[in-house]
Protein backbone atom coordinates (compact mmCIF):
# COMPACT_ATOMS: atom_id res chain seq x y z
CA MET A 1 -0.04 0.08 -0.02
CA LYS A 2 1.32 3.41 -0.72
CA ASN A 3 1.29 6.50 1.28
CA PHE A 4 2.12 10.08 0.38
CA SER A 5 4.73 12.09 2.31
CA SER A 6 6.79 15.13 1.89
CA LYS A 7 9.57 12.99 0.81
CA GLY A 8 7.74 11.32 -2.05
CA ILE A 9 5.41 8.35 -2.65
CA ARG A 10 6.33 5.30 -0.68
CA PHE A 11 5.80 1.76 -1.72
CA SER A 12 6.72 -1.02 0.73
CA GLY A 13 8.67 1.46 3.03
CA ASP A 14 11.00 2.43 0.00
CA SER A 15 10.99 6.09 -1.42
CA ILE A 16 12.43 7.41 -4.65
CA LYS A 17 12.88 10.99 -5.38
CA SER A 18 11.80 11.33 -8.94
CA CYS A 19 10.73 13.74 -11.74
CA VAL A 20 7.90 13.23 -14.06
CA GLY A 21 7.78 15.41 -17.10
CA PHE A 22 5.11 16.19 -19.56
CA ILE A 23 6.50 17.83 -22.89
CA ASP A 24 3.96 19.18 -25.35
CA LEU A 25 4.51 20.32 -28.91
CA VAL A 26 2.81 23.71 -28.53
CA ASP A 27 0.51 24.80 -31.59
CA SER A 28 1.36 21.64 -33.39
CA THR A 29 -2.15 21.26 -35.04
CA LYS A 30 -2.10 24.97 -36.06
CA ASN A 31 1.53 24.53 -37.53
CA THR A 32 0.71 21.27 -39.54
CA ILE A 33 -2.41 22.80 -41.12
CA THR A 34 -0.18 24.78 -43.63
CA MET A 35 2.29 21.93 -44.12
CA GLU A 36 1.94 20.12 -47.50
CA GLY A 37 2.44 16.36 -47.77
CA LEU A 38 2.30 13.67 -45.07
CA ASP A 39 6.11 13.38 -45.21
CA TYR A 40 6.58 16.70 -43.91
CA ILE A 41 4.25 16.31 -41.04
CA ARG A 42 5.90 12.98 -40.17
CA ARG A 43 9.30 14.60 -40.18
CA TYR A 44 7.97 17.55 -38.05
CA TYR A 45 6.57 15.17 -35.29
CA SER A 46 9.39 12.72 -35.45
CA THR A 47 12.10 15.40 -35.12
CA PHE A 48 10.34 16.76 -32.00
CA ILE A 49 9.82 13.19 -30.42
CA ASN A 50 13.34 12.07 -31.32
CA SER A 51 15.11 15.06 -30.12
CA VAL A 52 13.26 15.09 -26.81
CA SER A 53 13.68 11.49 -26.20
CA THR A 54 17.52 11.85 -26.80
CA ILE A 55 17.75 14.63 -24.34
CA VAL A 56 15.54 12.63 -21.67
CA LYS A 57 17.71 9.49 -22.22
CA SER A 58 21.00 11.54 -22.10
CA SER A 59 20.04 12.75 -18.55
CA ASN A 60 19.31 9.16 -17.54
CA GLY A 61 15.57 9.55 -18.05
CA ARG A 62 13.01 7.25 -19.46
CA VAL A 63 10.27 8.09 -21.93
CA VAL A 64 7.05 6.48 -20.53
CA LYS A 65 4.47 7.24 -23.18
CA ASN A 66 4.15 9.06 -26.44
CA ILE A 67 0.80 11.03 -26.33
CA GLY A 68 0.27 12.30 -29.81
CA ASP A 69 2.40 15.41 -29.89
CA CYS A 70 3.48 15.02 -26.23
CA LEU A 71 5.96 12.90 -24.26
CA LEU A 72 5.60 11.75 -20.76
CA PHE A 73 8.94 10.90 -19.08
CA LEU A 74 10.32 9.79 -15.76
CA LYS A 75 13.67 10.57 -14.10
CA LEU A 76 14.47 8.62 -10.95
CA GLN A 77 16.31 11.78 -9.72
CA MET A 78 15.40 15.33 -10.01
CA ILE A 79 16.87 17.10 -13.08
CA LYS A 80 19.67 19.12 -11.53
CA THR A 81 21.88 20.08 -14.51
CA LYS A 82 20.94 23.33 -16.10
CA ILE A 83 22.17 22.14 -19.48
CA HIS A 84 19.49 19.33 -19.75
CA LEU A 85 16.85 21.81 -18.98
CA GLU A 86 18.12 24.24 -21.60
CA MET A 87 18.48 21.60 -24.18
CA LEU A 88 14.71 20.59 -23.63
CA LEU A 89 13.58 24.28 -23.76
CA ASN A 90 15.77 24.82 -27.08
CA VAL A 91 13.90 21.98 -28.74
CA LEU A 92 10.56 23.60 -27.94
């Protein structure tokens, strides 16, 4: 059974500080309306998904789910390095 505390969620007495992130490609529907051809739209989404996935993995995170134009990721330690946060923001 889990219980919630200020130190995180505990399962069986263990606790893990973690970071759950949700990254959305803002205005993607609006941006893709003017794009011609499915190949161009596929490249648009795959560039975003692959770039963000690479950054998450490079910081020892794990992509949990691809949700349309969003990625849900988990990092078992908080993101502490400014460079990884800047990389994520630059992709967006």
